[in-house]
Amino acid sequence: MKIALFADLHGRILLSFKLIKRLERERNIKIDLILQCGDLGAFPNPSKLDKATLRHARREPSELGFYHHFTKKNKKVEQVLDKVEATMYAVRGNHEDHEFLNNLEEKSVESSFPIDIYEKIRVCKTGHLQTFQKDTTELNWIGIGRVGSRKISQKQQEKYIQPYEMDALNKLHSQKSKKQIDLLISHDSALHFTTKDFGMQQIRDFLTRHKPLYHFFGHTGQPFSLVEDENNFTQSCKIKELEFENDGSLAKNSFVVLDWKTNTDFDLEVISDKWIKEYTNHSWEYL
């Protein structure tokens, strides 16, 4: 089982699918699953953009990729998606249209829910077990979306983890699951992990209790890193944002693949093939 992982896409969702399609072709492999660590940029209505996204969109139109590519059918987009069998599972970031996502989540009885017209992108409900199986190989993960706040008065703001999500995590902690949780996918980092007083307490609690093999996250703005968590077990991986540098080139260390055979036999690779240099802010839409 091969899993592609991305962090902050900020609208560049189609680009991520194009990179997967190219990797599959170049290496003659198949990606089975896509996991995404929040700040997908799920804004179906440009009038609902937050101030930061609006500011970035004036400079970089790809920030509006969800609206342009995933809210109405487009033959060119379909041609890309048809060649990538894998579905993308994301967690919420702090730069999303949370009202839009809330409406979809409230209607769903599943542990994740589709958000785009093609049903190629699903958002994981925080604290709900997600399972993917290929042949006899199984992968279990938990998603924790949004970001943490230490100011009680701010907890109701939509970008911060919500009370019902905390309840779902507490319920998970109290259950004795027969399944090992292999991965944690979050947007924020664990509290104090990258910087003192930065991060989410609920992520720290989860890592302490469940000790997944990997924790993948974004949000911090820091470079790619892969280090052992303070629980002395989990490998915590900060994935670089999928963005364009000042010279127009694609940021390095923003595309990761986990080759998962079993929970004792796996390998993590940062994709750095030469062809990635072809994907710039001016060229990627035509490749």
C-alpha atoms as a PDB file:
ATOM      1  CA  MET A   1       0.000   0.000   0.000  1.00  0.00           C
ATOM      2  CA  LYS A   2       1.384   3.382  -1.025  1.00  0.00           C
ATOM      3  CA  ILE A   3       0.111   6.535   0.658  1.00  0.00           C
ATOM      4  CA  ALA A   4       0.806  10.049  -0.663  1.00  0.00           C
ATOM      5  CA  LEU A   5       0.928  12.770   1.986  1.00  0.00           C
ATOM      6  CA  PHE A   6       0.656  16.540   1.679  1.00  0.00           C
ATOM      7  CA  ALA A   7       0.317  19.338   4.208  1.00  0.00           C
ATOM      8  CA  ASP A   8      -0.981  22.844   3.516  1.00  0.00           C
ATOM      9  CA  LEU A   9      -2.275  22.898  -0.077  1.00  0.00           C
ATOM     10  CA  HIS A  10      -4.034  26.269   0.128  1.00  0.00           C
ATOM     11  CA  GLY A  11      -6.088  25.564  -2.979  1.00  0.00           C
ATOM     12  CA  ARG A  12      -3.400  23.711  -4.938  1.00  0.00           C
ATOM     13  CA  ILE A  13      -5.379  20.479  -4.807  1.00  0.00           C
ATOM     14  CA  LEU A  14      -5.307  19.803  -8.531  1.00  0.00           C
ATOM     15  CA  LEU A  15      -1.532  20.243  -8.473  1.00  0.00           C
ATOM     16  CA  SER A  16      -1.262  17.512  -5.823  1.00  0.00           C
ATOM     17  CA  PHE A  17      -3.260  15.120  -8.007  1.00  0.00           C
ATOM     18  CA  LYS A  18      -1.065  16.015 -10.993  1.00  0.00           C
ATOM     19  CA  LEU A  19       2.073  15.235  -9.004  1.00  0.00           C
ATOM     20  CA  ILE A  20       0.633  11.871  -8.012  1.00  0.00           C
ATOM     21  CA  LYS A  21      -0.304  11.105 -11.606  1.00  0.00           C
ATOM     22  CA  ARG A  22       3.219  11.969 -12.765  1.00  0.00           C
ATOM     23  CA  LEU A  23       4.839   9.888 -10.024  1.00  0.00           C
ATOM     24  CA  GLU A  24       2.687   6.905 -10.919  1.00  0.00           C
ATOM     25  CA  ARG A  25       3.672   7.207 -14.562  1.00  0.00           C
ATOM     26  CA  GLU A  26       7.376   7.775 -13.984  1.00  0.00           C
ATOM     27  CA  ARG A  27       7.793   4.906 -11.520  1.00  0.00           C
ATOM     28  CA  ASN A  28       5.084   2.594 -12.822  1.00  0.00           C
ATOM     29  CA  ILE A  29       3.437   2.429  -9.401  1.00  0.00           C
ATOM     30  CA  LYS A  30       0.001   3.197  -8.000  1.00  0.00           C
ATOM     31  CA  ILE A  31      -0.855   5.443  -5.077  1.00  0.00           C
ATOM     32  CA  ASP A  32      -3.647   3.819  -3.090  1.00  0.00           C
ATOM     33  CA  LEU A  33      -4.520   6.588  -0.635  1.00  0.00           C
ATOM     34  CA  ILE A  34      -3.908  10.327  -0.199  1.00  0.00           C
ATOM     35  CA  LEU A  35      -3.750  11.953   3.239  1.00  0.00           C
ATOM     36  CA  GLN A  36      -3.735  15.723   3.656  1.00  0.00           C
ATOM     37  CA  CYS A  37      -2.886  17.696   6.803  1.00  0.00           C
ATOM     38  CA  GLY A  38      -5.308  20.618   6.628  1.00  0.00           C
ATOM     39  CA  ASP A  39      -5.459  24.082   5.083  1.00  0.00           C
ATOM     40  CA  LEU A  40      -6.825  22.419   2.004  1.00  0.00           C
ATOM     41  CA  GLY A  41      -8.278  25.793   1.063  1.00  0.00           C
ATOM     42  CA  ALA A  42     -11.872  24.554   0.888  1.00  0.00           C
ATOM     43  CA  PHE A  43     -13.589  27.785  -0.130  1.00  0.00           C
ATOM     44  CA  PRO A  44     -16.450  27.055  -2.567  1.00  0.00           C
ATOM     45  CA  ASN A  45     -17.496  30.701  -2.450  1.00  0.00           C
ATOM     46  CA  PRO A  46     -14.754  33.355  -2.942  1.00  0.00           C
ATOM     47  CA  SER A  47     -16.799  35.862  -0.948  1.00  0.00           C
ATOM     48  CA  LYS A  48     -16.187  33.694   2.154  1.00  0.00           C
ATOM     49  CA  LEU A  49     -12.385  33.884   1.982  1.00  0.00           C
ATOM     50  CA  ASP A  50     -10.680  34.811   5.223  1.00  0.00           C
ATOM     51  CA  LYS A  51      -8.392  37.851   5.178  1.00  0.00           C
ATOM     52  CA  ALA A  52      -5.146  35.892   4.912  1.00  0.00           C
ATOM     53  CA  THR A  53      -6.360  33.734   2.010  1.00  0.00           C
ATOM     54  CA  LEU A  54      -7.754  36.765   0.199  1.00  0.00           C
ATOM     55  CA  ARG A  55      -4.415  38.536   0.543  1.00  0.00           C
ATOM     56  CA  HIS A  56      -2.483  35.548  -0.801  1.00  0.00           C
ATOM     57  CA  ALA A  57      -5.005  34.959  -3.614  1.00  0.00           C
ATOM     58  CA  ARG A  58      -4.347  38.427  -5.027  1.00  0.00           C
ATOM     59  CA  ARG A  59      -0.748  37.363  -5.587  1.00  0.00           C
ATOM     60  CA  GLU A  60      -1.241  33.650  -6.279  1.00  0.00           C
ATOM     61  CA  PRO A  61      -4.518  32.663  -8.038  1.00  0.00           C
ATOM     62  CA  SER A  62      -3.984  28.974  -7.245  1.00  0.00           C
ATOM     63  CA  GLU A  63      -5.206  29.777  -3.703  1.00  0.00           C
ATOM     64  CA  LEU A  64      -8.708  29.653  -5.252  1.00  0.00           C
ATOM     65  CA  GLY A  65      -8.143  26.183  -6.683  1.00  0.00           C
ATOM     66  CA  PHE A  66     -10.983  24.514  -4.790  1.00  0.00           C
ATOM     67  CA  TYR A  67     -13.482  27.014  -6.189  1.00  0.00           C
ATOM     68  CA  HIS A  68     -12.098  26.854  -9.733  1.00  0.00           C
ATOM     69  CA  HIS A  69     -11.492  23.111 -10.024  1.00  0.00           C
ATOM     70  CA  PHE A  70     -13.700  21.241  -7.558  1.00  0.00           C
ATOM     71  CA  THR A  71     -17.087  22.984  -7.361  1.00  0.00           C
ATOM     72  CA  LYS A  72     -18.224  22.485 -10.947  1.00  0.00           C
ATOM     73  CA  LYS A  73     -17.428  19.829 -13.545  1.00  0.00           C
ATOM     74  CA  ASN A  74     -14.462  20.546 -15.805  1.00  0.00           C
ATOM     75  CA  LYS A  75     -13.254  18.120 -18.472  1.00  0.00           C
ATOM     76  CA  LYS A  76      -9.573  18.948 -17.987  1.00  0.00           C
ATOM     77  CA  VAL A  77      -9.835  18.361 -14.265  1.00  0.00           C
ATOM     78  CA  GLU A  78     -11.753  15.142 -14.837  1.00  0.00           C
ATOM     79  CA  GLN A  79      -8.994  13.892 -17.123  1.00  0.00           C
ATOM     80  CA  VAL A  80      -6.484  14.252 -14.296  1.00  0.00           C
ATOM     81  CA  LEU A  81      -8.702  12.756 -11.604  1.00  0.00           C
ATOM     82  CA  ASP A  82      -9.734   9.811 -13.784  1.00  0.00           C
ATOM     83  CA  LYS A  83      -6.079   8.733 -13.947  1.00  0.00           C
ATOM     84  CA  VAL A  84      -5.629   8.807 -10.177  1.00  0.00           C
ATOM     85  CA  GLU A  85      -7.655   6.110  -8.440  1.00  0.00           C
ATOM     86  CA  ALA A  86      -6.848   7.237  -4.889  1.00  0.00           C
ATOM     87  CA  THR A  87      -9.204   9.362  -2.810  1.00  0.00           C
ATOM     88  CA  MET A  88      -7.869  12.240  -0.713  1.00  0.00           C
ATOM     89  CA  TYR A  89      -8.691  12.250   3.013  1.00  0.00           C
ATOM     90  CA  ALA A  90      -8.058  15.619   4.670  1.00  0.00           C
ATOM     91  CA  VAL A  91      -8.428  17.202   8.082  1.00  0.00           C
ATOM     92  CA  ARG A  92      -9.655  20.738   8.620  1.00  0.00           C
ATOM     93  CA  GLY A  93      -7.102  23.505   8.824  1.00  0.00           C
ATOM     94  CA  ASN A  94      -7.605  27.036  10.069  1.00  0.00           C
ATOM     95  CA  HIS A  95      -7.998  28.429   6.530  1.00  0.00           C
ATOM     96  CA  GLU A  96     -11.223  26.794   5.342  1.00  0.00           C
ATOM     97  CA  ASP A  97     -14.865  27.772   4.922  1.00  0.00           C
ATOM     98  CA  HIS A  98     -15.958  26.110   8.170  1.00  0.00           C
ATOM     99  CA  GLU A  99     -19.619  27.002   7.705  1.00  0.00           C
ATOM    100  CA  PHE A 100     -19.572  25.044   4.429  1.00  0.00           C
ATOM    101  CA  LEU A 101     -17.802  22.108   6.094  1.00  0.00           C
ATOM    102  CA  ASN A 102     -20.108  22.201   9.121  1.00  0.00           C
ATOM    103  CA  ASN A 103     -23.174  21.801   6.919  1.00  0.00           C
ATOM    104  CA  LEU A 104     -21.698  18.754   5.204  1.00  0.00           C
ATOM    105  CA  GLU A 105     -20.450  17.191   8.430  1.00  0.00           C
ATOM    106  CA  GLU A 106     -23.812  17.548  10.164  1.00  0.00           C
ATOM    107  CA  LYS A 107     -25.511  15.621   7.343  1.00  0.00           C
ATOM    108  CA  SER A 108     -22.989  12.772   7.372  1.00  0.00           C
ATOM    109  CA  VAL A 109     -23.263   9.626   9.497  1.00  0.00           C
ATOM    110  CA  GLU A 110     -19.872   8.326   8.336  1.00  0.00           C
ATOM    111  CA  SER A 111     -16.443   8.980   9.845  1.00  0.00           C
ATOM    112  CA  SER A 112     -15.559  11.196   6.855  1.00  0.00           C
ATOM    113  CA  PHE A 113     -17.583  13.149   4.313  1.00  0.00           C
ATOM    114  CA  PRO A 114     -17.095  14.236   0.665  1.00  0.00           C
ATOM    115  CA  ILE A 115     -16.751  17.956  -0.026  1.00  0.00           C
ATOM    116  CA  ASP A 116     -16.233  18.281  -3.799  1.00  0.00           C
ATOM    117  CA  ILE A 117     -18.313  17.680  -6.895  1.00  0.00           C
ATOM    118  CA  TYR A 118     -16.233  14.645  -7.905  1.00  0.00           C
ATOM    119  CA  GLU A 119     -16.262  13.067  -4.418  1.00  0.00           C
ATOM    120  CA  LYS A 120     -12.489  12.664  -4.612  1.00  0.00           C
ATOM    121  CA  ILE A 121     -11.891  14.668  -1.426  1.00  0.00           C
ATOM    122  CA  ARG A 122     -13.211  13.628   1.968  1.00  0.00           C
ATOM    123  CA  VAL A 123     -12.737  15.406   5.284  1.00  0.00           C
ATOM    124  CA  CYS A 124     -12.139  13.257   8.361  1.00  0.00           C
ATOM    125  CA  LYS A 125     -14.208  13.943  11.455  1.00  0.00           C
ATOM    126  CA  THR A 126     -11.918  14.703  14.375  1.00  0.00           C
ATOM    127  CA  GLY A 127     -11.512  11.761  16.746  1.00  0.00           C
ATOM    128  CA  HIS A 128     -13.190   9.187  14.500  1.00  0.00           C
ATOM    129  CA  LEU A 129     -11.294   6.058  13.475  1.00  0.00           C
ATOM    130  CA  GLN A 130     -10.520   5.868   9.755  1.00  0.00           C
ATOM    131  CA  THR A 131      -9.608   2.554   8.137  1.00  0.00           C
ATOM    132  CA  PHE A 132      -8.288   1.774   4.683  1.00  0.00           C
ATOM    133  CA  GLN A 133      -7.703  -1.753   3.460  1.00  0.00           C
ATOM    134  CA  LYS A 134      -5.943  -3.089   0.385  1.00  0.00           C
ATOM    135  CA  ASP A 135      -5.979  -6.859  -0.007  1.00  0.00           C
ATOM    136  CA  THR A 136      -4.807  -8.094   3.420  1.00  0.00           C
ATOM    137  CA  THR A 137      -3.073  -4.849   4.402  1.00  0.00           C
ATOM    138  CA  GLU A 138      -4.908  -2.479   6.740  1.00  0.00           C
ATOM    139  CA  LEU A 139      -4.116   1.075   7.820  1.00  0.00           C
ATOM    140  CA  ASN A 140      -5.859   2.799  10.716  1.00  0.00           C
ATOM    141  CA  TRP A 141      -5.595   6.498  11.426  1.00  0.00           C
ATOM    142  CA  ILE A 142      -7.181   9.323  13.382  1.00  0.00           C
ATOM    143  CA  GLY A 143      -7.569  12.892  12.168  1.00  0.00           C
ATOM    144  CA  ILE A 144      -7.479  15.957  14.407  1.00  0.00           C
ATOM    145  CA  GLY A 145      -8.478  19.105  12.555  1.00  0.00           C
ATOM    146  CA  ARG A 146      -8.278  22.867  13.112  1.00  0.00           C
ATOM    147  CA  VAL A 147      -5.799  24.502  15.522  1.00  0.00           C
ATOM    148  CA  GLY A 148      -5.475  24.836  19.268  1.00  0.00           C
ATOM    149  CA  SER A 149      -6.079  27.851  21.447  1.00  0.00           C
ATOM    150  CA  ARG A 150      -5.169  28.502  25.044  1.00  0.00           C
ATOM    151  CA  LYS A 151      -7.605  31.398  25.342  1.00  0.00           C
ATOM    152  CA  ILE A 152     -10.937  30.045  26.532  1.00  0.00           C
ATOM    153  CA  SER A 153     -12.872  32.919  24.995  1.00  0.00           C
ATOM    154  CA  GLN A 154     -11.592  31.981  21.532  1.00  0.00           C
ATOM    155  CA  LYS A 155     -12.508  28.313  21.573  1.00  0.00           C
ATOM    156  CA  GLN A 156     -15.847  28.912  19.887  1.00  0.00           C
ATOM    157  CA  GLN A 157     -14.190  30.516  16.871  1.00  0.00           C
ATOM    158  CA  GLU A 158     -14.413  28.106  13.975  1.00  0.00           C
ATOM    159  CA  LYS A 159     -10.696  27.797  13.331  1.00  0.00           C
ATOM    160  CA  TYR A 160     -10.143  26.405  16.839  1.00  0.00           C
ATOM    161  CA  ILE A 161     -10.939  22.847  17.874  1.00  0.00           C
ATOM    162  CA  GLN A 162     -14.596  22.669  18.913  1.00  0.00           C
ATOM    163  CA  PRO A 163     -16.175  21.179  22.059  1.00  0.00           C
ATOM    164  CA  TYR A 164     -17.890  18.358  20.123  1.00  0.00           C
ATOM    165  CA  GLU A 165     -14.521  17.405  18.635  1.00  0.00           C
ATOM    166  CA  MET A 166     -12.918  17.343  22.074  1.00  0.00           C
ATOM    167  CA  ASP A 167     -15.781  15.083  23.196  1.00  0.00           C
ATOM    168  CA  ALA A 168     -15.078  12.705  20.303  1.00  0.00           C
ATOM    169  CA  LEU A 169     -11.407  12.503  21.312  1.00  0.00           C
ATOM    170  CA  ASN A 170     -12.316  11.916  24.972  1.00  0.00           C
ATOM    171  CA  LYS A 171     -14.668   9.112  23.910  1.00  0.00           C
ATOM    172  CA  LEU A 172     -11.871   7.588  21.840  1.00  0.00           C
ATOM    173  CA  HIS A 173      -9.501   7.753  24.804  1.00  0.00           C
ATOM    174  CA  SER A 174     -12.010   5.963  27.040  1.00  0.00           C
ATOM    175  CA  GLN A 175     -12.625   3.107  24.609  1.00  0.00           C
ATOM    176  CA  LYS A 176     -10.468   0.010  24.420  1.00  0.00           C
ATOM    177  CA  SER A 177     -10.105  -0.328  20.670  1.00  0.00           C
ATOM    178  CA  LYS A 178      -8.992  -3.663  19.296  1.00  0.00           C
ATOM    179  CA  LYS A 179      -7.306  -1.860  16.426  1.00  0.00           C
ATOM    180  CA  GLN A 180      -3.904  -0.244  16.694  1.00  0.00           C
ATOM    181  CA  ILE A 181      -3.921   3.363  15.531  1.00  0.00           C
ATOM    182  CA  ASP A 182      -1.073   3.550  13.028  1.00  0.00           C
ATOM    183  CA  LEU A 183      -1.096   7.250  12.094  1.00  0.00           C
ATOM    184  CA  LEU A 184      -2.226  10.588  13.423  1.00  0.00           C
ATOM    185  CA  ILE A 185      -3.009  13.216  10.787  1.00  0.00           C
ATOM    186  CA  SER A 186      -3.438  16.762  12.085  1.00  0.00           C
ATOM    187  CA  HIS A 187      -3.083  20.351  10.973  1.00  0.00           C
ATOM    188  CA  ASP A 188      -1.569  21.742  14.148  1.00  0.00           C
ATOM    189  CA  SER A 189       1.448  20.400  16.016  1.00  0.00           C
ATOM    190  CA  ALA A 190       1.400  19.013  19.539  1.00  0.00           C
ATOM    191  CA  LEU A 191       1.580  21.666  22.242  1.00  0.00           C
ATOM    192  CA  HIS A 192       5.181  22.828  22.880  1.00  0.00           C
ATOM    193  CA  PHE A 193       6.495  20.432  20.191  1.00  0.00           C
ATOM    194  CA  THR A 194       7.917  22.985  17.764  1.00  0.00           C
ATOM    195  CA  THR A 195       7.793  26.167  19.839  1.00  0.00           C
ATOM    196  CA  LYS A 196       6.929  26.821  23.491  1.00  0.00           C
ATOM    197  CA  ASP A 197       3.217  27.548  23.935  1.00  0.00           C
ATOM    198  CA  PHE A 198       2.493  26.766  20.256  1.00  0.00           C
ATOM    199  CA  GLY A 199       0.329  23.808  19.259  1.00  0.00           C
ATOM    200  CA  MET A 200      -2.667  21.824  20.477  1.00  0.00           C
ATOM    201  CA  GLN A 201      -3.002  20.162  23.874  1.00  0.00           C
ATOM    202  CA  GLN A 202      -5.398  17.539  22.457  1.00  0.00           C
ATOM    203  CA  ILE A 203      -2.691  16.372  20.028  1.00  0.00           C
ATOM    204  CA  ARG A 204      -0.191  16.059  22.871  1.00  0.00           C
ATOM    205  CA  ASP A 205      -2.730  14.023  24.871  1.00  0.00           C
ATOM    206  CA  PHE A 206      -3.406  11.762  21.885  1.00  0.00           C
ATOM    207  CA  LEU A 207       0.281  11.054  21.248  1.00  0.00           C
ATOM    208  CA  THR A 208       0.835  10.260  24.920  1.00  0.00           C
ATOM    209  CA  ARG A 209      -2.102   7.863  25.130  1.00  0.00           C
ATOM    210  CA  HIS A 210      -2.080   6.087  21.769  1.00  0.00           C
ATOM    211  CA  LYS A 211       1.513   6.294  20.479  1.00  0.00           C
ATOM    212  CA  PRO A 212       0.885   5.960  16.721  1.00  0.00           C
ATOM    213  CA  LEU A 213       3.833   5.048  14.505  1.00  0.00           C
ATOM    214  CA  TYR A 214       3.695   8.388  12.682  1.00  0.00           C
ATOM    215  CA  HIS A 215       2.247  11.830  13.251  1.00  0.00           C
ATOM    216  CA  PHE A 216       1.995  13.975  10.114  1.00  0.00           C
ATOM    217  CA  PHE A 217       1.173  17.683  10.375  1.00  0.00           C
ATOM    218  CA  GLY A 218       1.658  21.110   8.758  1.00  0.00           C
ATOM    219  CA  HIS A 219       0.608  24.642   9.798  1.00  0.00           C
ATOM    220  CA  THR A 220       3.763  25.778  11.602  1.00  0.00           C
ATOM    221  CA  GLY A 221       5.490  27.373   8.595  1.00  0.00           C
ATOM    222  CA  GLN A 222       8.691  25.565   9.527  1.00  0.00           C
ATOM    223  CA  PRO A 223      10.769  23.410   7.151  1.00  0.00           C
ATOM    224  CA  PHE A 224      10.312  19.672   6.730  1.00  0.00           C
ATOM    225  CA  SER A 225      11.431  17.657   9.723  1.00  0.00           C
ATOM    226  CA  LEU A 226      11.215  14.063  10.909  1.00  0.00           C
ATOM    227  CA  VAL A 227      11.984  13.582  14.600  1.00  0.00           C
ATOM    228  CA  GLU A 228      10.944  11.310  17.423  1.00  0.00           C
ATOM    229  CA  ASP A 229       8.167  12.631  19.614  1.00  0.00           C
ATOM    230  CA  GLU A 230       8.666  13.043  23.338  1.00  0.00           C
ATOM    231  CA  ASN A 231       6.607   9.859  23.835  1.00  0.00           C
ATOM    232  CA  ASN A 232       9.788   8.062  22.655  1.00  0.00           C
ATOM    233  CA  PHE A 233       7.921   6.127  19.978  1.00  0.00           C
ATOM    234  CA  THR A 234       6.067   8.204  17.385  1.00  0.00           C
ATOM    235  CA  GLN A 235       7.941   9.644  14.410  1.00  0.00           C
ATOM    236  CA  SER A 236       6.578  13.190  14.028  1.00  0.00           C
ATOM    237  CA  CYS A 237       6.809  14.525  10.484  1.00  0.00           C
ATOM    238  CA  LYS A 238       6.276  18.189   9.619  1.00  0.00           C
ATOM    239  CA  ILE A 239       5.555  18.258   5.873  1.00  0.00           C
ATOM    240  CA  LYS A 240       6.492  21.401   3.984  1.00  0.00           C
ATOM    241  CA  GLU A 241       3.630  23.433   2.517  1.00  0.00           C
ATOM    242  CA  LEU A 242       2.894  22.729  -1.171  1.00  0.00           C
ATOM    243  CA  GLU A 243       3.682  26.250  -2.334  1.00  0.00           C
ATOM    244  CA  PHE A 244       5.804  28.116  -4.844  1.00  0.00           C
ATOM    245  CA  GLU A 245       9.040  29.774  -3.846  1.00  0.00           C
ATOM    246  CA  ASN A 246       9.926  33.346  -4.844  1.00  0.00           C
ATOM    247  CA  ASP A 247      11.624  32.068  -8.017  1.00  0.00           C
ATOM    248  CA  GLY A 248       8.441  30.201  -9.007  1.00  0.00           C
ATOM    249  CA  SER A 249       9.767  26.724  -8.234  1.00  0.00           C
ATOM    250  CA  LEU A 250       7.833  24.212  -6.188  1.00  0.00           C
ATOM    251  CA  ALA A 251       8.873  24.026  -2.540  1.00  0.00           C
ATOM    252  CA  LYS A 252      11.079  21.048  -1.722  1.00  0.00           C
ATOM    253  CA  ASN A 253       9.974  18.377   0.775  1.00  0.00           C
ATOM    254  CA  SER A 254       6.285  19.031   0.136  1.00  0.00           C
ATOM    255  CA  PHE A 255       5.417  15.602  -1.344  1.00  0.00           C
ATOM    256  CA  VAL A 256       5.864  12.512   0.820  1.00  0.00           C
ATOM    257  CA  VAL A 257       5.055   8.846   0.163  1.00  0.00           C
ATOM    258  CA  LEU A 258       4.639   6.176   2.816  1.00  0.00           C
ATOM    259  CA  ASP A 259       5.152   2.625   1.551  1.00  0.00           C
ATOM    260  CA  TRP A 260       3.093   0.608   4.024  1.00  0.00           C
ATOM    261  CA  LYS A 261       3.351  -3.182   3.994  1.00  0.00           C
ATOM    262  CA  THR A 262       2.515  -3.876   7.638  1.00  0.00           C
ATOM    263  CA  ASN A 263       2.788  -1.931  10.885  1.00  0.00           C
ATOM    264  CA  THR A 264       6.262  -3.406  11.282  1.00  0.00           C
ATOM    265  CA  ASP A 265       7.367  -3.056   7.656  1.00  0.00           C
ATOM    266  CA  PHE A 266       7.114   0.432   6.138  1.00  0.00           C
ATOM    267  CA  ASP A 267       9.246   3.130   4.557  1.00  0.00           C
ATOM    268  CA  LEU A 268       8.879   6.900   4.263  1.00  0.00           C
ATOM    269  CA  GLU A 269      10.247   8.811   1.259  1.00  0.00           C
ATOM    270  CA  VAL A 270      10.347  12.503   0.426  1.00  0.00           C
ATOM    271  CA  ILE A 271       9.819  12.708  -3.332  1.00  0.00           C
ATOM    272  CA  SER A 272      12.624  14.674  -4.955  1.00  0.00           C
ATOM    273  CA  ASP A 273      12.671  13.278  -8.519  1.00  0.00           C
ATOM    274  CA  LYS A 274      14.163  15.552 -11.184  1.00  0.00           C
ATOM    275  CA  TRP A 275      10.868  15.969 -13.025  1.00  0.00           C
ATOM    276  CA  ILE A 276       9.403  17.879 -10.041  1.00  0.00           C
ATOM    277  CA  LYS A 277      11.440  20.906 -11.148  1.00  0.00           C
ATOM    278  CA  GLU A 278       9.180  21.125 -14.213  1.00  0.00           C
ATOM    279  CA  TYR A 279       6.265  22.149 -11.979  1.00  0.00           C
ATOM    280  CA  THR A 280       6.445  25.908 -11.450  1.00  0.00           C
ATOM    281  CA  ASN A 281       3.827  28.538 -10.734  1.00  0.00           C
ATOM    282  CA  HIS A 282       3.650  29.285 -14.475  1.00  0.00           C
ATOM    283  CA  SER A 283       3.822  25.753 -15.877  1.00  0.00           C
ATOM    284  CA  TRP A 284       1.940  23.370 -13.583  1.00  0.00           C
ATOM    285  CA  GLU A 285      -1.510  23.934 -15.080  1.00  0.00           C
ATOM    286  CA  TYR A 286      -0.255  22.888 -18.522  1.00  0.00           C
ATOM    287  CA  LEU A 287       1.638  19.735 -17.475  1.00  0.00           C
END
